[in-house]
Amino acid sequence: MGDKKAESVYSLLSKIVNLKFYSELKDSGIEFERIYRMTNLSTGKENYLIVVNNVEIRFVTQRDFIHHFSNFLTHNIVVLNKRYNELTSIVINDYTDDVALEMKYKEIDCFRFKQTELLGKLNQYWKNLSDN
């Protein structure tokens, strides 16, 4: 998440949901792409849409965001685990680029670790919100 556009989307999200978790996003494979504020013209009620890794997450409150982003992370971790297992079970032969393969599964392993760590923090934050 190194580009300026992703950082500005994160900054806007932080202001909306009052959460700061930028350090957990570094090297996590999570990219905040766009954020929108939408207003229901009939009721005047505002809601938000954020695009993360080509997935749309809609939310109204901080609790909504935590819930939906946690679901996104949970699903993403399952996908990463599957891909990691596929990569580590590839049979190496003369035609396999084992260096590129090793780099890819190490990258995925890093993403899994960072996203699992972030999910744990969000779950703890959710628990704290529920306790209050």
N, C-alpha and C. Protein backbone atom coordinates (compact mmCIF):
# COMPACT_ATOMS: atom_id res chain seq x y z
N MET A 1 0.83 -1.17 0.00
CA MET A 1 0.00 0.00 0.00
C MET A 1 0.87 1.24 0.00
N GLY A 2 1.74 1.35 -0.97
CA GLY A 2 2.70 2.43 -0.95
C GLY A 2 2.34 3.65 -1.75
N ASP A 3 1.36 3.57 -2.66
CA ASP A 3 1.12 4.74 -3.49
C ASP A 3 0.27 5.78 -2.79
N LYS A 4 0.36 7.01 -3.31
CA LYS A 4 -0.31 8.16 -2.67
C LYS A 4 -1.82 8.04 -2.70
N LYS A 5 -2.38 7.48 -3.79
CA LYS A 5 -3.83 7.34 -3.90
C LYS A 5 -4.35 6.44 -2.78
N ALA A 6 -3.69 5.30 -2.55
CA ALA A 6 -4.11 4.37 -1.50
C ALA A 6 -3.98 5.03 -0.12
N GLU A 7 -2.92 5.81 0.07
CA GLU A 7 -2.74 6.49 1.35
C GLU A 7 -3.85 7.52 1.57
N SER A 8 -4.25 8.24 0.52
CA SER A 8 -5.31 9.23 0.70
C SER A 8 -6.65 8.55 0.96
N VAL A 9 -6.91 7.40 0.31
CA VAL A 9 -8.14 6.65 0.58
C VAL A 9 -8.12 6.19 2.03
N TYR A 10 -6.98 5.69 2.50
CA TYR A 10 -6.86 5.26 3.89
C TYR A 10 -7.11 6.44 4.84
N SER A 11 -6.54 7.60 4.53
CA SER A 11 -6.73 8.78 5.39
C SER A 11 -8.19 9.17 5.49
N LEU A 12 -8.89 9.15 4.36
CA LEU A 12 -10.32 9.46 4.38
C LEU A 12 -11.09 8.43 5.19
N LEU A 13 -10.77 7.15 5.01
CA LEU A 13 -11.43 6.09 5.77
C LEU A 13 -11.19 6.27 7.26
N SER A 14 -9.97 6.59 7.64
CA SER A 14 -9.64 6.79 9.06
C SER A 14 -10.48 7.90 9.68
N LYS A 15 -10.71 8.96 8.93
CA LYS A 15 -11.53 10.06 9.44
C LYS A 15 -12.99 9.63 9.61
N ILE A 16 -13.48 8.81 8.68
CA ILE A 16 -14.88 8.38 8.71
C ILE A 16 -15.13 7.40 9.85
N VAL A 17 -14.28 6.38 9.99
CA VAL A 17 -14.53 5.33 10.98
C VAL A 17 -13.75 5.51 12.27
N ASN A 18 -12.87 6.52 12.31
CA ASN A 18 -12.10 6.80 13.50
C ASN A 18 -11.26 5.60 13.96
N LEU A 19 -10.62 4.94 13.00
CA LEU A 19 -9.71 3.83 13.28
C LEU A 19 -8.40 4.10 12.56
N LYS A 20 -7.32 3.74 13.19
CA LYS A 20 -6.01 3.89 12.57
C LYS A 20 -5.32 2.52 12.60
N PHE A 21 -5.05 1.98 11.40
CA PHE A 21 -4.41 0.68 11.31
C PHE A 21 -3.45 0.62 10.12
N TYR A 22 -2.89 1.77 9.76
CA TYR A 22 -2.02 1.86 8.59
C TYR A 22 -0.81 0.94 8.70
N SER A 23 -0.20 0.85 9.88
CA SER A 23 1.00 0.03 10.02
C SER A 23 0.71 -1.44 9.75
N GLU A 24 -0.50 -1.89 10.06
CA GLU A 24 -0.86 -3.29 9.80
C GLU A 24 -1.08 -3.55 8.32
N LEU A 25 -1.29 -2.51 7.53
CA LEU A 25 -1.52 -2.67 6.09
C LEU A 25 -0.23 -2.81 5.29
N LYS A 26 0.87 -2.32 5.87
CA LYS A 26 2.15 -2.39 5.16
C LYS A 26 2.49 -3.84 4.87
N ASP A 27 2.77 -4.13 3.61
CA ASP A 27 3.15 -5.48 3.16
C ASP A 27 2.08 -6.53 3.44
N SER A 28 0.80 -6.11 3.42
CA SER A 28 -0.29 -7.05 3.70
C SER A 28 -1.00 -7.53 2.44
N GLY A 29 -0.72 -6.90 1.31
CA GLY A 29 -1.42 -7.25 0.09
C GLY A 29 -2.78 -6.59 -0.02
N ILE A 30 -3.09 -5.70 0.90
CA ILE A 30 -4.37 -5.00 0.89
C ILE A 30 -4.17 -3.63 0.27
N GLU A 31 -4.98 -3.34 -0.74
CA GLU A 31 -4.91 -2.05 -1.43
C GLU A 31 -6.25 -1.35 -1.37
N PHE A 32 -6.29 -0.21 -0.71
CA PHE A 32 -7.48 0.64 -0.74
C PHE A 32 -7.43 1.41 -2.05
N GLU A 33 -8.44 1.21 -2.89
CA GLU A 33 -8.42 1.79 -4.23
C GLU A 33 -9.23 3.08 -4.35
N ARG A 34 -10.48 3.04 -3.89
CA ARG A 34 -11.37 4.19 -4.00
C ARG A 34 -12.32 4.20 -2.81
N ILE A 35 -12.84 5.39 -2.51
CA ILE A 35 -13.85 5.51 -1.46
C ILE A 35 -14.90 6.52 -1.93
N TYR A 36 -16.15 6.20 -1.63
CA TYR A 36 -17.27 7.05 -2.05
C TYR A 36 -18.17 7.32 -0.86
N ARG A 37 -18.75 8.52 -0.85
CA ARG A 37 -19.82 8.84 0.08
C ARG A 37 -21.08 8.99 -0.76
N MET A 38 -22.11 8.28 -0.37
CA MET A 38 -23.36 8.32 -1.12
C MET A 38 -24.46 8.82 -0.20
N THR A 39 -25.38 9.56 -0.76
CA THR A 39 -26.51 10.09 0.01
C THR A 39 -27.80 9.63 -0.64
N ASN A 40 -28.67 9.04 0.16
CA ASN A 40 -30.01 8.69 -0.30
C ASN A 40 -30.78 10.00 -0.42
N LEU A 41 -31.15 10.32 -1.62
CA LEU A 41 -31.80 11.62 -1.85
C LEU A 41 -33.18 11.71 -1.22
N SER A 42 -33.83 10.57 -1.00
CA SER A 42 -35.16 10.57 -0.38
C SER A 42 -35.09 10.80 1.13
N THR A 43 -34.12 10.12 1.77
CA THR A 43 -34.04 10.18 3.23
C THR A 43 -32.93 11.08 3.75
N GLY A 44 -31.95 11.37 2.91
CA GLY A 44 -30.81 12.15 3.35
C GLY A 44 -29.76 11.33 4.08
N LYS A 45 -30.00 10.02 4.22
CA LYS A 45 -29.07 9.15 4.95
C LYS A 45 -27.80 8.92 4.12
N GLU A 46 -26.64 9.08 4.77
CA GLU A 46 -25.36 8.87 4.11
C GLU A 46 -24.86 7.45 4.36
N ASN A 47 -24.17 6.90 3.36
CA ASN A 47 -23.44 5.66 3.53
C ASN A 47 -22.20 5.73 2.67
N TYR A 48 -21.32 4.77 2.85
CA TYR A 48 -20.01 4.80 2.20
C TYR A 48 -19.77 3.49 1.46
N LEU A 49 -18.92 3.60 0.45
CA LEU A 49 -18.47 2.43 -0.29
C LEU A 49 -16.97 2.58 -0.46
N ILE A 50 -16.25 1.54 -0.09
CA ILE A 50 -14.81 1.53 -0.29
C ILE A 50 -14.47 0.32 -1.15
N VAL A 51 -13.55 0.51 -2.07
CA VAL A 51 -13.10 -0.58 -2.94
C VAL A 51 -11.72 -1.00 -2.44
N VAL A 52 -11.64 -2.27 -2.03
CA VAL A 52 -10.41 -2.85 -1.49
C VAL A 52 -10.10 -4.10 -2.31
N ASN A 53 -8.94 -4.11 -2.97
CA ASN A 53 -8.55 -5.26 -3.79
C ASN A 53 -9.69 -5.68 -4.73
N ASN A 54 -10.30 -4.72 -5.39
CA ASN A 54 -11.40 -4.94 -6.35
C ASN A 54 -12.66 -5.49 -5.70
N VAL A 55 -12.79 -5.38 -4.38
CA VAL A 55 -13.99 -5.82 -3.66
C VAL A 55 -14.65 -4.57 -3.06
N GLU A 56 -15.96 -4.46 -3.25
CA GLU A 56 -16.69 -3.32 -2.70
C GLU A 56 -17.20 -3.65 -1.30
N ILE A 57 -16.94 -2.74 -0.37
CA ILE A 57 -17.44 -2.87 0.99
C ILE A 57 -18.31 -1.64 1.27
N ARG A 58 -19.56 -1.89 1.58
CA ARG A 58 -20.50 -0.80 1.89
C ARG A 58 -20.70 -0.75 3.40
N PHE A 59 -20.75 0.47 3.94
CA PHE A 59 -20.94 0.62 5.38
C PHE A 59 -21.54 1.96 5.70
N VAL A 60 -22.12 2.05 6.89
CA VAL A 60 -22.70 3.29 7.38
C VAL A 60 -21.94 3.75 8.62
N THR A 61 -21.68 2.81 9.52
CA THR A 61 -21.05 3.15 10.80
C THR A 61 -19.70 2.45 10.93
N GLN A 62 -18.99 2.82 11.98
CA GLN A 62 -17.73 2.18 12.30
C GLN A 62 -17.93 0.67 12.51
N ARG A 63 -18.98 0.31 13.22
CA ARG A 63 -19.29 -1.11 13.46
C ARG A 63 -19.53 -1.86 12.16
N ASP A 64 -20.27 -1.22 11.23
CA ASP A 64 -20.50 -1.84 9.92
C ASP A 64 -19.19 -2.09 9.21
N PHE A 65 -18.32 -1.07 9.21
CA PHE A 65 -17.04 -1.22 8.54
C PHE A 65 -16.24 -2.37 9.14
N ILE A 66 -16.13 -2.40 10.46
CA ILE A 66 -15.36 -3.46 11.12
C ILE A 66 -15.93 -4.82 10.77
N HIS A 67 -17.23 -4.96 10.81
CA HIS A 67 -17.87 -6.24 10.48
C HIS A 67 -17.56 -6.67 9.04
N HIS A 68 -17.78 -5.78 8.09
CA HIS A 68 -17.60 -6.13 6.68
C HIS A 68 -16.12 -6.30 6.31
N PHE A 69 -15.27 -5.47 6.87
CA PHE A 69 -13.84 -5.59 6.59
C PHE A 69 -13.28 -6.87 7.22
N SER A 70 -13.77 -7.24 8.39
CA SER A 70 -13.36 -8.51 9.01
C SER A 70 -13.78 -9.69 8.15
N ASN A 71 -15.00 -9.64 7.60
CA ASN A 71 -15.45 -10.69 6.69
C ASN A 71 -14.57 -10.76 5.44
N PHE A 72 -14.22 -9.59 4.91
CA PHE A 72 -13.32 -9.53 3.76
C PHE A 72 -11.98 -10.20 4.09
N LEU A 73 -11.41 -9.84 5.24
CA LEU A 73 -10.12 -10.42 5.64
C LEU A 73 -10.22 -11.94 5.83
N THR A 74 -11.28 -12.39 6.47
CA THR A 74 -11.47 -13.82 6.71
C THR A 74 -11.49 -14.57 5.38
N HIS A 75 -12.28 -14.07 4.43
CA HIS A 75 -12.36 -14.71 3.12
C HIS A 75 -11.00 -14.66 2.42
N ASN A 76 -10.34 -13.51 2.48
CA ASN A 76 -9.05 -13.34 1.81
C ASN A 76 -8.00 -14.29 2.39
N ILE A 77 -8.01 -14.49 3.70
CA ILE A 77 -7.05 -15.40 4.34
C ILE A 77 -7.29 -16.83 3.87
N VAL A 78 -8.54 -17.24 3.72
CA VAL A 78 -8.86 -18.58 3.21
C VAL A 78 -8.30 -18.74 1.80
N VAL A 79 -8.49 -17.73 0.95
CA VAL A 79 -7.98 -17.78 -0.42
C VAL A 79 -6.45 -17.84 -0.41
N LEU A 80 -5.81 -17.03 0.43
CA LEU A 80 -4.35 -17.04 0.52
C LEU A 80 -3.84 -18.39 1.01
N ASN A 81 -4.51 -18.99 1.99
CA ASN A 81 -4.10 -20.31 2.48
C ASN A 81 -4.17 -21.35 1.37
N LYS A 82 -5.23 -21.30 0.59
CA LYS A 82 -5.39 -22.25 -0.52
C LYS A 82 -4.27 -22.06 -1.53
N ARG A 83 -4.01 -20.81 -1.90
CA ARG A 83 -2.95 -20.52 -2.88
C ARG A 83 -1.58 -20.93 -2.34
N TYR A 84 -1.32 -20.67 -1.07
CA TYR A 84 -0.06 -21.05 -0.45
C TYR A 84 0.13 -22.57 -0.52
N ASN A 85 -0.91 -23.31 -0.17
CA ASN A 85 -0.83 -24.77 -0.21
C ASN A 85 -0.61 -25.27 -1.63
N GLU A 86 -1.25 -24.63 -2.62
CA GLU A 86 -1.02 -25.01 -4.01
C GLU A 86 0.45 -24.79 -4.40
N LEU A 87 0.98 -23.63 -4.04
CA LEU A 87 2.35 -23.30 -4.42
C LEU A 87 3.37 -24.21 -3.75
N THR A 88 3.14 -24.53 -2.48
CA THR A 88 4.11 -25.36 -1.76
C THR A 88 4.02 -26.83 -2.14
N SER A 89 2.97 -27.21 -2.85
CA SER A 89 2.85 -28.61 -3.26
C SER A 89 3.26 -28.84 -4.72
N ILE A 90 3.71 -27.79 -5.41
CA ILE A 90 4.16 -27.95 -6.79
C ILE A 90 5.43 -28.78 -6.81
N VAL A 91 5.44 -29.74 -7.71
CA VAL A 91 6.62 -30.60 -7.86
C VAL A 91 7.66 -29.83 -8.68
N ILE A 92 8.84 -29.72 -8.12
CA ILE A 92 9.94 -29.00 -8.78
C ILE A 92 10.58 -29.92 -9.82
N ASN A 93 10.73 -29.39 -11.05
CA ASN A 93 11.45 -30.15 -12.08
C ASN A 93 12.36 -29.18 -12.83
N ASP A 94 12.93 -29.64 -13.94
CA ASP A 94 13.89 -28.81 -14.69
C ASP A 94 13.25 -27.55 -15.27
N TYR A 95 11.95 -27.55 -15.45
CA TYR A 95 11.27 -26.42 -16.07
C TYR A 95 10.64 -25.46 -15.06
N THR A 96 10.79 -25.75 -13.79
CA THR A 96 10.20 -24.93 -12.74
C THR A 96 11.17 -23.82 -12.35
N ASP A 97 10.67 -22.61 -12.30
CA ASP A 97 11.47 -21.48 -11.79
C ASP A 97 11.30 -21.48 -10.28
N ASP A 98 12.15 -22.27 -9.60
CA ASP A 98 11.99 -22.46 -8.16
C ASP A 98 12.25 -21.18 -7.37
N VAL A 99 13.06 -20.26 -7.88
CA VAL A 99 13.30 -19.00 -7.18
C VAL A 99 12.03 -18.14 -7.21
N ALA A 100 11.42 -18.02 -8.38
CA ALA A 100 10.17 -17.24 -8.50
C ALA A 100 9.07 -17.89 -7.67
N LEU A 101 9.01 -19.20 -7.69
CA LEU A 101 8.01 -19.92 -6.91
C LEU A 101 8.18 -19.66 -5.42
N GLU A 102 9.43 -19.74 -4.96
CA GLU A 102 9.70 -19.49 -3.54
C GLU A 102 9.37 -18.05 -3.16
N MET A 103 9.69 -17.10 -4.03
CA MET A 103 9.36 -15.70 -3.75
C MET A 103 7.86 -15.51 -3.64
N LYS A 104 7.10 -16.17 -4.51
CA LYS A 104 5.64 -16.01 -4.51
C LYS A 104 5.04 -16.59 -3.24
N TYR A 105 5.46 -17.81 -2.83
CA TYR A 105 4.83 -18.36 -1.62
C TYR A 105 5.31 -17.65 -0.36
N LYS A 106 6.50 -17.08 -0.37
CA LYS A 106 6.93 -16.28 0.79
C LYS A 106 6.13 -14.97 0.87
N GLU A 107 5.84 -14.38 -0.30
CA GLU A 107 5.01 -13.17 -0.32
C GLU A 107 3.62 -13.49 0.22
N ILE A 108 3.02 -14.57 -0.25
CA ILE A 108 1.70 -14.97 0.21
C ILE A 108 1.72 -15.27 1.70
N ASP A 109 2.77 -15.90 2.18
CA ASP A 109 2.90 -16.19 3.61
C ASP A 109 2.94 -14.89 4.42
N CYS A 110 3.64 -13.90 3.91
CA CYS A 110 3.70 -12.59 4.57
C CYS A 110 2.31 -11.95 4.59
N PHE A 111 1.60 -12.01 3.45
CA PHE A 111 0.24 -11.45 3.38
C PHE A 111 -0.67 -12.14 4.39
N ARG A 112 -0.58 -13.47 4.47
CA ARG A 112 -1.42 -14.23 5.41
C ARG A 112 -1.15 -13.79 6.84
N PHE A 113 0.13 -13.66 7.18
CA PHE A 113 0.51 -13.26 8.54
C PHE A 113 -0.03 -11.87 8.87
N LYS A 114 0.21 -10.90 7.98
CA LYS A 114 -0.21 -9.53 8.24
C LYS A 114 -1.74 -9.41 8.31
N GLN A 115 -2.44 -10.10 7.42
CA GLN A 115 -3.90 -10.02 7.43
C GLN A 115 -4.50 -10.73 8.63
N THR A 116 -3.90 -11.83 9.05
CA THR A 116 -4.36 -12.53 10.25
C THR A 116 -4.15 -11.66 11.48
N GLU A 117 -3.02 -10.99 11.53
CA GLU A 117 -2.72 -10.07 12.63
C GLU A 117 -3.74 -8.93 12.67
N LEU A 118 -4.05 -8.35 11.52
CA LEU A 118 -5.03 -7.26 11.44
C LEU A 118 -6.42 -7.76 11.81
N LEU A 119 -6.79 -8.95 11.36
CA LEU A 119 -8.09 -9.52 11.71
C LEU A 119 -8.21 -9.70 13.22
N GLY A 120 -7.15 -10.17 13.86
CA GLY A 120 -7.15 -10.32 15.31
C GLY A 120 -7.37 -8.99 16.02
N LYS A 121 -6.72 -7.95 15.54
CA LYS A 121 -6.89 -6.62 16.14
C LYS A 121 -8.30 -6.09 15.93
N LEU A 122 -8.85 -6.30 14.73
CA LEU A 122 -10.23 -5.86 14.49
C LEU A 122 -11.22 -6.63 15.35
N ASN A 123 -11.00 -7.94 15.50
CA ASN A 123 -11.87 -8.74 16.36
C ASN A 123 -11.81 -8.27 17.80
N GLN A 124 -10.62 -7.92 18.27
CA GLN A 124 -10.48 -7.40 19.63
C GLN A 124 -11.18 -6.06 19.78
N TYR A 125 -11.03 -5.20 18.76
CA TYR A 125 -11.69 -3.91 18.79
C TYR A 125 -13.21 -4.10 18.79
N TRP A 126 -13.70 -5.04 17.99
CA TRP A 126 -15.14 -5.36 17.93
C TRP A 126 -15.62 -5.82 19.31
N LYS A 127 -14.83 -6.66 19.96
CA LYS A 127 -15.19 -7.16 21.29
C LYS A 127 -15.26 -6.00 22.27
N ASN A 128 -14.29 -5.10 22.21
CA ASN A 128 -14.30 -3.94 23.09
C ASN A 128 -15.52 -3.05 22.85
N LEU A 129 -15.91 -2.89 21.58
CA LEU A 129 -17.12 -2.11 21.27
C LEU A 129 -18.36 -2.78 21.84
N SER A 130 -18.40 -4.10 21.74
CA SER A 130 -19.55 -4.85 22.23
C SER A 130 -19.65 -4.82 23.75
N ASP A 131 -18.50 -4.77 24.43
CA ASP A 131 -18.47 -4.75 25.88
C ASP A 131 -18.94 -3.41 26.45
N ASN A 132 -18.84 -2.36 25.66
CA ASN A 132 -19.19 -1.01 26.15
C ASN A 132 -20.63 -0.68 25.90
